[in-house]
Amino acid sequence: MLLEELETHLKAQKLWDDSMPEPSRLMSTQPFASDTLEFHQWVQFIMIPSLRQCVEQQNPLPNKIAVSPMAVEMWKGRLKEHRQVILVLKAIDELLDGHHGRH
């Protein structure tokens, strides 16, 4: 599954935190929690768990999300280094974009 692949690449690139941020940092209302979390933390602690929860509970998946352009923006100058993560995020974007909330 793409989420496992994403997790593997994040860990390989040392973009995976062993400990959870304080709950207040996860409550940000900013897009990508940009005021309280690093981008990779948002992916790890907000995006991946919420997509997993949708799948497990068979809830409609979000559509029209564009995470890969944000990744490109955040990692400018390090695109080659984070290429695999960006490619998986792009695949997730495309999957969800074609999903339109259906299972």
N, C-alpha and C. Protein backbone atom coordinates (compact mmCIF):
# COMPACT_ATOMS: atom_id res chain seq x y z
N MET A 1 0.84 -1.19 0.00
CA MET A 1 0.00 0.00 0.00
C MET A 1 0.88 1.25 0.00
N LEU A 2 0.39 2.29 -0.60
CA LEU A 2 1.18 3.51 -0.73
C LEU A 2 1.58 4.11 0.62
N LEU A 3 0.72 3.99 1.63
CA LEU A 3 1.06 4.59 2.93
C LEU A 3 2.26 3.89 3.56
N GLU A 4 2.36 2.57 3.41
CA GLU A 4 3.53 1.85 3.93
C GLU A 4 4.78 2.25 3.17
N GLU A 5 4.65 2.40 1.86
CA GLU A 5 5.78 2.81 1.03
C GLU A 5 6.25 4.21 1.45
N LEU A 6 5.30 5.09 1.68
CA LEU A 6 5.62 6.44 2.12
C LEU A 6 6.36 6.40 3.46
N GLU A 7 5.87 5.60 4.38
CA GLU A 7 6.51 5.48 5.70
C GLU A 7 7.94 4.96 5.55
N THR A 8 8.14 3.96 4.71
CA THR A 8 9.47 3.40 4.48
C THR A 8 10.44 4.46 3.96
N HIS A 9 10.00 5.25 2.99
CA HIS A 9 10.88 6.28 2.42
C HIS A 9 11.16 7.39 3.42
N LEU A 10 10.15 7.77 4.19
CA LEU A 10 10.38 8.80 5.22
C LEU A 10 11.42 8.33 6.22
N LYS A 11 11.31 7.09 6.65
CA LYS A 11 12.28 6.53 7.62
C LYS A 11 13.68 6.47 7.00
N ALA A 12 13.75 6.05 5.74
CA ALA A 12 15.05 5.93 5.07
C ALA A 12 15.74 7.29 4.95
N GLN A 13 14.96 8.34 4.84
CA GLN A 13 15.52 9.68 4.69
C GLN A 13 15.58 10.44 6.01
N LYS A 14 15.42 9.71 7.11
CA LYS A 14 15.49 10.32 8.45
C LYS A 14 14.45 11.42 8.63
N LEU A 15 13.28 11.23 8.03
CA LEU A 15 12.18 12.18 8.16
C LEU A 15 11.04 11.56 8.97
N TRP A 16 11.40 10.71 9.91
CA TRP A 16 10.40 10.01 10.73
C TRP A 16 10.76 10.22 12.19
N ASP A 17 9.84 10.76 12.96
CA ASP A 17 10.10 11.03 14.37
C ASP A 17 9.64 9.86 15.23
N ASP A 18 10.45 9.50 16.21
CA ASP A 18 10.09 8.40 17.11
C ASP A 18 9.05 8.82 18.13
N SER A 19 9.02 10.10 18.46
CA SER A 19 8.06 10.52 19.48
C SER A 19 7.06 11.51 18.89
N MET A 20 5.87 11.43 19.41
CA MET A 20 4.75 12.26 18.97
C MET A 20 4.93 13.70 19.47
N PRO A 21 4.62 14.69 18.64
CA PRO A 21 4.64 16.08 19.15
C PRO A 21 3.54 16.27 20.19
N GLU A 22 3.64 17.36 20.96
CA GLU A 22 2.59 17.62 21.94
C GLU A 22 1.25 17.74 21.20
N PRO A 23 0.16 17.27 21.82
CA PRO A 23 -1.16 17.32 21.17
C PRO A 23 -1.53 18.71 20.65
N SER A 24 -1.14 19.74 21.37
CA SER A 24 -1.50 21.10 20.93
C SER A 24 -0.90 21.42 19.56
N ARG A 25 0.26 20.84 19.26
CA ARG A 25 0.90 21.10 17.96
C ARG A 25 0.15 20.40 16.82
N LEU A 26 -0.62 19.37 17.17
CA LEU A 26 -1.39 18.65 16.15
C LEU A 26 -2.73 19.32 15.88
N MET A 27 -3.09 20.31 16.68
CA MET A 27 -4.39 20.95 16.57
C MET A 27 -4.38 22.19 15.68
N SER A 28 -3.30 22.44 15.00
CA SER A 28 -3.18 23.63 14.17
C SER A 28 -4.30 23.70 13.15
N THR A 29 -4.75 24.91 12.87
CA THR A 29 -5.77 25.09 11.84
C THR A 29 -5.15 25.56 10.51
N GLN A 30 -3.83 25.76 10.52
CA GLN A 30 -3.14 26.18 9.29
C GLN A 30 -3.03 25.00 8.32
N PRO A 31 -3.03 25.28 7.02
CA PRO A 31 -2.81 24.18 6.06
C PRO A 31 -1.48 23.49 6.37
N PHE A 32 -1.51 22.18 6.39
CA PHE A 32 -0.32 21.36 6.66
C PHE A 32 0.26 21.65 8.05
N ALA A 33 -0.51 22.25 8.94
CA ALA A 33 -0.05 22.60 10.30
C ALA A 33 1.29 23.33 10.23
N SER A 34 1.43 24.17 9.23
CA SER A 34 2.73 24.79 8.95
C SER A 34 3.22 25.71 10.06
N ASP A 35 2.32 26.10 10.94
CA ASP A 35 2.76 26.97 12.04
C ASP A 35 3.28 26.18 13.24
N THR A 36 2.99 24.89 13.31
CA THR A 36 3.41 24.12 14.49
C THR A 36 4.23 22.88 14.18
N LEU A 37 4.18 22.39 12.95
CA LEU A 37 4.88 21.15 12.61
C LEU A 37 5.78 21.36 11.38
N GLU A 38 6.83 20.56 11.31
CA GLU A 38 7.60 20.45 10.07
C GLU A 38 6.71 19.69 9.08
N PHE A 39 6.95 19.89 7.79
CA PHE A 39 6.11 19.23 6.78
C PHE A 39 6.11 17.71 6.95
N HIS A 40 7.30 17.12 7.17
CA HIS A 40 7.35 15.66 7.32
C HIS A 40 6.59 15.20 8.57
N GLN A 41 6.53 16.04 9.60
CA GLN A 41 5.75 15.68 10.79
C GLN A 41 4.26 15.70 10.48
N TRP A 42 3.84 16.67 9.67
CA TRP A 42 2.43 16.71 9.27
C TRP A 42 2.06 15.43 8.51
N VAL A 43 2.95 15.01 7.60
CA VAL A 43 2.71 13.78 6.84
C VAL A 43 2.61 12.59 7.79
N GLN A 44 3.55 12.51 8.74
CA GLN A 44 3.61 11.36 9.65
C GLN A 44 2.46 11.34 10.65
N PHE A 45 2.19 12.48 11.27
CA PHE A 45 1.27 12.47 12.41
C PHE A 45 -0.17 12.88 12.07
N ILE A 46 -0.37 13.46 10.89
CA ILE A 46 -1.73 13.89 10.54
C ILE A 46 -2.22 13.19 9.27
N MET A 47 -1.47 13.31 8.18
CA MET A 47 -1.93 12.76 6.90
C MET A 47 -2.04 11.23 6.93
N ILE A 48 -0.96 10.55 7.28
CA ILE A 48 -0.96 9.08 7.25
C ILE A 48 -2.03 8.51 8.19
N PRO A 49 -2.09 8.95 9.47
CA PRO A 49 -3.13 8.39 10.35
C PRO A 49 -4.55 8.67 9.86
N SER A 50 -4.80 9.86 9.32
CA SER A 50 -6.18 10.15 8.89
C SER A 50 -6.56 9.32 7.66
N LEU A 51 -5.63 9.11 6.75
CA LEU A 51 -5.94 8.25 5.59
C LEU A 51 -6.12 6.80 6.03
N ARG A 52 -5.28 6.33 6.95
CA ARG A 52 -5.43 4.96 7.47
C ARG A 52 -6.79 4.79 8.13
N GLN A 53 -7.19 5.79 8.90
CA GLN A 53 -8.48 5.72 9.59
C GLN A 53 -9.63 5.65 8.59
N CYS A 54 -9.55 6.44 7.52
CA CYS A 54 -10.58 6.40 6.48
C CYS A 54 -10.68 4.99 5.88
N VAL A 55 -9.53 4.41 5.58
CA VAL A 55 -9.50 3.09 4.98
C VAL A 55 -10.07 2.04 5.95
N GLU A 56 -9.59 2.08 7.21
CA GLU A 56 -10.03 1.09 8.20
C GLU A 56 -11.53 1.19 8.47
N GLN A 57 -12.04 2.41 8.55
CA GLN A 57 -13.46 2.60 8.87
C GLN A 57 -14.32 2.67 7.61
N GLN A 58 -13.68 2.47 6.47
CA GLN A 58 -14.36 2.52 5.17
C GLN A 58 -15.13 3.83 4.98
N ASN A 59 -14.52 4.91 5.46
CA ASN A 59 -15.08 6.25 5.22
C ASN A 59 -14.62 6.74 3.87
N PRO A 60 -15.33 7.68 3.28
CA PRO A 60 -14.87 8.23 2.01
C PRO A 60 -13.49 8.86 2.18
N LEU A 61 -12.64 8.60 1.23
CA LEU A 61 -11.31 9.21 1.25
C LEU A 61 -11.41 10.65 0.78
N PRO A 62 -10.53 11.50 1.29
CA PRO A 62 -10.55 12.88 0.80
C PRO A 62 -10.17 12.90 -0.67
N ASN A 63 -10.68 13.87 -1.40
CA ASN A 63 -10.23 14.00 -2.78
C ASN A 63 -9.78 15.44 -2.99
N LYS A 64 -9.19 15.67 -4.13
CA LYS A 64 -8.71 17.01 -4.45
C LYS A 64 -7.69 17.51 -3.43
N ILE A 65 -6.82 16.60 -2.96
CA ILE A 65 -5.74 17.10 -2.12
C ILE A 65 -4.48 17.13 -2.97
N ALA A 66 -3.61 18.05 -2.68
CA ALA A 66 -2.38 18.18 -3.44
C ALA A 66 -1.23 18.32 -2.46
N VAL A 67 -0.73 17.18 -2.03
CA VAL A 67 0.36 17.18 -1.05
C VAL A 67 1.71 17.27 -1.75
N SER A 68 1.85 16.63 -2.91
CA SER A 68 3.16 16.62 -3.56
C SER A 68 3.66 18.03 -3.95
N PRO A 69 2.79 18.95 -4.44
CA PRO A 69 3.32 20.30 -4.72
C PRO A 69 3.84 20.99 -3.46
N MET A 70 3.19 20.73 -2.32
CA MET A 70 3.67 21.30 -1.06
C MET A 70 5.03 20.69 -0.70
N ALA A 71 5.19 19.41 -0.92
CA ALA A 71 6.48 18.75 -0.65
C ALA A 71 7.57 19.36 -1.51
N VAL A 72 7.28 19.58 -2.79
CA VAL A 72 8.26 20.20 -3.69
C VAL A 72 8.64 21.58 -3.18
N GLU A 73 7.63 22.34 -2.76
CA GLU A 73 7.87 23.69 -2.24
C GLU A 73 8.72 23.65 -0.97
N MET A 74 8.38 22.74 -0.06
CA MET A 74 9.09 22.66 1.22
C MET A 74 10.52 22.17 1.08
N TRP A 75 10.75 21.30 0.10
CA TRP A 75 12.07 20.69 -0.04
C TRP A 75 12.84 21.23 -1.24
N LYS A 76 12.54 22.45 -1.64
CA LYS A 76 13.31 23.08 -2.73
C LYS A 76 14.78 22.98 -2.39
N GLY A 77 15.58 22.64 -3.39
CA GLY A 77 17.01 22.52 -3.14
C GLY A 77 17.41 21.14 -2.62
N ARG A 78 16.42 20.35 -2.21
CA ARG A 78 16.71 18.98 -1.73
C ARG A 78 15.79 17.98 -2.44
N LEU A 79 15.35 18.35 -3.65
CA LEU A 79 14.37 17.52 -4.37
C LEU A 79 14.94 16.13 -4.68
N LYS A 80 16.21 16.08 -5.08
CA LYS A 80 16.81 14.80 -5.43
C LYS A 80 16.83 13.89 -4.19
N GLU A 81 17.22 14.48 -3.08
CA GLU A 81 17.31 13.74 -1.81
C GLU A 81 15.95 13.17 -1.40
N HIS A 82 14.89 13.92 -1.62
CA HIS A 82 13.56 13.50 -1.18
C HIS A 82 12.67 13.01 -2.33
N ARG A 83 13.29 12.69 -3.44
CA ARG A 83 12.56 12.31 -4.66
C ARG A 83 11.56 11.17 -4.42
N GLN A 84 12.00 10.12 -3.70
CA GLN A 84 11.12 8.96 -3.51
C GLN A 84 9.88 9.32 -2.71
N VAL A 85 10.06 10.13 -1.66
CA VAL A 85 8.91 10.56 -0.85
C VAL A 85 7.95 11.37 -1.72
N ILE A 86 8.50 12.28 -2.51
CA ILE A 86 7.67 13.14 -3.37
C ILE A 86 6.90 12.29 -4.39
N LEU A 87 7.57 11.28 -4.95
CA LEU A 87 6.89 10.42 -5.94
C LEU A 87 5.74 9.65 -5.31
N VAL A 88 5.92 9.17 -4.08
CA VAL A 88 4.83 8.45 -3.41
C VAL A 88 3.69 9.42 -3.08
N LEU A 89 4.03 10.63 -2.62
CA LEU A 89 2.99 11.63 -2.34
C LEU A 89 2.22 11.96 -3.62
N LYS A 90 2.93 12.04 -4.75
CA LYS A 90 2.28 12.32 -6.03
C LYS A 90 1.32 11.18 -6.39
N ALA A 91 1.76 9.95 -6.16
CA ALA A 91 0.90 8.79 -6.45
C ALA A 91 -0.35 8.81 -5.56
N ILE A 92 -0.19 9.20 -4.30
CA ILE A 92 -1.34 9.30 -3.39
C ILE A 92 -2.28 10.42 -3.87
N ASP A 93 -1.71 11.57 -4.25
CA ASP A 93 -2.52 12.67 -4.79
C ASP A 93 -3.35 12.19 -5.98
N GLU A 94 -2.69 11.49 -6.90
CA GLU A 94 -3.37 11.03 -8.12
C GLU A 94 -4.45 10.00 -7.80
N LEU A 95 -4.15 9.11 -6.86
CA LEU A 95 -5.12 8.10 -6.47
C LEU A 95 -6.37 8.77 -5.86
N LEU A 96 -6.15 9.70 -4.95
CA LEU A 96 -7.27 10.36 -4.29
C LEU A 96 -8.02 11.26 -5.26
N ASP A 97 -7.29 11.91 -6.16
CA ASP A 97 -7.93 12.80 -7.12
C ASP A 97 -8.87 12.02 -8.04
N GLY A 98 -8.49 10.79 -8.37
CA GLY A 98 -9.34 9.96 -9.24
C GLY A 98 -10.42 9.24 -8.46
N HIS A 99 -10.35 9.32 -7.14
CA HIS A 99 -11.25 8.57 -6.27
C HIS A 99 -12.61 9.23 -6.10
N HIS A 100 -12.59 10.55 -6.01
CA HIS A 100 -13.82 11.35 -5.84
C HIS A 100 -14.71 10.83 -4.72
N GLY A 101 -14.07 10.43 -3.59
CA GLY A 101 -14.83 10.06 -2.40
C GLY A 101 -15.44 8.67 -2.43
N ARG A 102 -15.23 7.92 -3.51
CA ARG A 102 -15.77 6.56 -3.57
C ARG A 102 -14.74 5.59 -3.01
N HIS A 103 -15.22 4.37 -2.70
CA HIS A 103 -14.29 3.31 -2.27
C HIS A 103 -13.85 2.54 -3.49
